[in-house]
Amino acid sequence: MLISQHTQCYTDGVSFDNAPDKAKNVSGPRIREAREQLKPPLTQDQLAGKVAARGIVLDRTAIAKIELGQRSVYDYELGPLAAALGVDVNWLIGVRKR
């Protein structure tokens, strides 16, 4: 029997992308994508500065590790990261409205 490697979980009308073959940190690649798609693109250092202006200290190395999936993003870091990148927190964490 073949079991799908991709599942979705629904909670209170919100769908979470829950694919076991993906990295545990879904926000890392999305942070990189958002950072690189800005006009002009932000460097990791520039993103660190924008996040610091919002009260969260993340240096370039921490952002690099987040983007590579080597470091998780703490919940309190998500809001400042999303604001600095001009994206929604729900997009960063892979949540889609039903």
C-alpha atoms as a PDB file:
ATOM      1  CA  MET A   1       0.000   0.000   0.000  1.00  0.00           C
ATOM      2  CA  LEU A   2       1.337   3.438  -0.952  1.00  0.00           C
ATOM      3  CA  ILE A   3       0.854   6.183   1.640  1.00  0.00           C
ATOM      4  CA  SER A   4       1.043   9.794   0.545  1.00  0.00           C
ATOM      5  CA  GLN A   5       4.084  11.688   1.778  1.00  0.00           C
ATOM      6  CA  HIS A   6       2.084  14.931   1.799  1.00  0.00           C
ATOM      7  CA  THR A   7      -0.717  15.597   4.252  1.00  0.00           C
ATOM      8  CA  GLN A   8      -2.617  18.621   5.431  1.00  0.00           C
ATOM      9  CA  CYS A   9      -3.954  19.272   8.894  1.00  0.00           C
ATOM     10  CA  TYR A  10      -6.943  21.554   9.454  1.00  0.00           C
ATOM     11  CA  THR A  11      -7.491  23.365  12.726  1.00  0.00           C
ATOM     12  CA  ASP A  12     -10.103  26.063  13.271  1.00  0.00           C
ATOM     13  CA  GLY A  13     -10.436  26.768   9.549  1.00  0.00           C
ATOM     14  CA  VAL A  14      -6.682  27.066   8.941  1.00  0.00           C
ATOM     15  CA  SER A  15      -4.682  24.655   6.786  1.00  0.00           C
ATOM     16  CA  PHE A  16      -1.099  23.847   7.775  1.00  0.00           C
ATOM     17  CA  ASP A  17       1.227  22.476   5.130  1.00  0.00           C
ATOM     18  CA  ASN A  18       2.564  19.356   6.845  1.00  0.00           C
ATOM     19  CA  ALA A  19       4.860  17.535   4.452  1.00  0.00           C
ATOM     20  CA  PRO A  20       7.238  15.202   6.335  1.00  0.00           C
ATOM     21  CA  ASP A  21       9.873  15.309   3.603  1.00  0.00           C
ATOM     22  CA  LYS A  22      10.358  19.069   3.974  1.00  0.00           C
ATOM     23  CA  ALA A  23      12.713  20.819   6.373  1.00  0.00           C
ATOM     24  CA  LYS A  24      11.335  21.385   9.851  1.00  0.00           C
ATOM     25  CA  ASN A  25      11.779  25.133   9.480  1.00  0.00           C
ATOM     26  CA  VAL A  26       9.350  26.170   6.723  1.00  0.00           C
ATOM     27  CA  SER A  27       9.986  29.855   7.364  1.00  0.00           C
ATOM     28  CA  GLY A  28      13.696  29.756   6.440  1.00  0.00           C
ATOM     29  CA  PRO A  29      13.308  29.386   2.665  1.00  0.00           C
ATOM     30  CA  ARG A  30      10.403  31.840   2.730  1.00  0.00           C
ATOM     31  CA  ILE A  31      12.525  34.434   4.542  1.00  0.00           C
ATOM     32  CA  ARG A  32      15.206  34.075   1.877  1.00  0.00           C
ATOM     33  CA  GLU A  33      12.601  34.270  -0.911  1.00  0.00           C
ATOM     34  CA  ALA A  34      11.001  37.420   0.514  1.00  0.00           C
ATOM     35  CA  ARG A  35      14.389  39.038   1.175  1.00  0.00           C
ATOM     36  CA  GLU A  36      15.617  38.369  -2.361  1.00  0.00           C
ATOM     37  CA  GLN A  37      12.370  39.483  -4.028  1.00  0.00           C
ATOM     38  CA  LEU A  38      12.401  42.947  -2.475  1.00  0.00           C
ATOM     39  CA  LYS A  39      13.330  45.773  -4.816  1.00  0.00           C
ATOM     40  CA  PRO A  40      16.218  46.230  -4.271  1.00  0.00           C
ATOM     41  CA  PRO A  41      16.906  42.896  -2.549  1.00  0.00           C
ATOM     42  CA  LEU A  42      18.024  43.029   1.076  1.00  0.00           C
ATOM     43  CA  THR A  43      21.280  41.486   2.191  1.00  0.00           C
ATOM     44  CA  GLN A  44      21.219  39.339   5.303  1.00  0.00           C
ATOM     45  CA  ASP A  45      23.001  42.176   7.133  1.00  0.00           C
ATOM     46  CA  GLN A  46      20.352  44.683   6.042  1.00  0.00           C
ATOM     47  CA  LEU A  47      17.581  42.348   7.191  1.00  0.00           C
ATOM     48  CA  ALA A  48      19.360  41.956  10.534  1.00  0.00           C
ATOM     49  CA  GLY A  49      19.354  45.763  10.883  1.00  0.00           C
ATOM     50  CA  LYS A  50      15.650  46.051  10.071  1.00  0.00           C
ATOM     51  CA  VAL A  51      14.807  43.319  12.586  1.00  0.00           C
ATOM     52  CA  ALA A  52      17.037  44.969  15.218  1.00  0.00           C
ATOM     53  CA  ALA A  53      15.118  48.222  14.716  1.00  0.00           C
ATOM     54  CA  ARG A  54      12.047  46.226  15.805  1.00  0.00           C
ATOM     55  CA  GLY A  55      13.758  45.037  19.010  1.00  0.00           C
ATOM     56  CA  ILE A  56      15.020  41.591  17.984  1.00  0.00           C
ATOM     57  CA  VAL A  57      18.749  40.901  17.749  1.00  0.00           C
ATOM     58  CA  LEU A  58      19.567  38.521  14.900  1.00  0.00           C
ATOM     59  CA  ASP A  59      22.969  38.832  13.262  1.00  0.00           C
ATOM     60  CA  ARG A  60      23.786  37.867   9.676  1.00  0.00           C
ATOM     61  CA  THR A  61      24.970  34.428  10.776  1.00  0.00           C
ATOM     62  CA  ALA A  62      21.677  33.693  12.542  1.00  0.00           C
ATOM     63  CA  ILE A  63      19.702  34.755   9.459  1.00  0.00           C
ATOM     64  CA  ALA A  64      21.910  32.583   7.238  1.00  0.00           C
ATOM     65  CA  LYS A  65      21.325  29.584   9.522  1.00  0.00           C
ATOM     66  CA  ILE A  66      17.565  30.233   9.545  1.00  0.00           C
ATOM     67  CA  GLU A  67      17.480  30.410   5.755  1.00  0.00           C
ATOM     68  CA  LEU A  68      19.450  27.153   5.482  1.00  0.00           C
ATOM     69  CA  GLY A  69      17.218  25.361   7.995  1.00  0.00           C
ATOM     70  CA  GLN A  70      20.039  25.014  10.529  1.00  0.00           C
ATOM     71  CA  ARG A  71      18.326  27.239  13.103  1.00  0.00           C
ATOM     72  CA  SER A  72      14.663  27.473  13.988  1.00  0.00           C
ATOM     73  CA  VAL A  73      12.802  30.752  14.207  1.00  0.00           C
ATOM     74  CA  TYR A  74      11.359  31.542  17.621  1.00  0.00           C
ATOM     75  CA  ASP A  75       7.741  32.652  17.760  1.00  0.00           C
ATOM     76  CA  TYR A  76       8.669  36.124  19.034  1.00  0.00           C
ATOM     77  CA  GLU A  77      11.005  36.587  16.030  1.00  0.00           C
ATOM     78  CA  LEU A  78       8.312  35.909  13.414  1.00  0.00           C
ATOM     79  CA  GLY A  79       6.460  39.233  13.716  1.00  0.00           C
ATOM     80  CA  PRO A  80       9.544  41.444  13.377  1.00  0.00           C
ATOM     81  CA  LEU A  81      10.896  39.303  10.520  1.00  0.00           C
ATOM     82  CA  ALA A  82       7.577  39.477   8.657  1.00  0.00           C
ATOM     83  CA  ALA A  83       7.308  43.242   9.211  1.00  0.00           C
ATOM     84  CA  ALA A  84      10.886  43.828   8.045  1.00  0.00           C
ATOM     85  CA  LEU A  85      10.201  41.799   4.893  1.00  0.00           C
ATOM     86  CA  GLY A  86       6.741  43.238   4.238  1.00  0.00           C
ATOM     87  CA  VAL A  87       5.032  39.836   4.328  1.00  0.00           C
ATOM     88  CA  ASP A  88       2.360  38.193   6.455  1.00  0.00           C
ATOM     89  CA  VAL A  89       3.427  35.975   9.373  1.00  0.00           C
ATOM     90  CA  ASN A  90       0.997  33.291   8.147  1.00  0.00           C
ATOM     91  CA  TRP A  91       2.862  33.126   4.851  1.00  0.00           C
ATOM     92  CA  LEU A  92       6.193  32.783   6.653  1.00  0.00           C
ATOM     93  CA  ILE A  93       4.994  29.755   8.614  1.00  0.00           C
ATOM     94  CA  GLY A  94       3.273  28.063   5.699  1.00  0.00           C
ATOM     95  CA  VAL A  95      -0.309  28.610   6.824  1.00  0.00           C
ATOM     96  CA  ARG A  96      -3.003  29.025   4.214  1.00  0.00           C
ATOM     97  CA  LYS A  97      -6.575  30.092   4.883  1.00  0.00           C
ATOM     98  CA  ARG A  98      -9.058  27.521   3.780  1.00  0.00           C
END
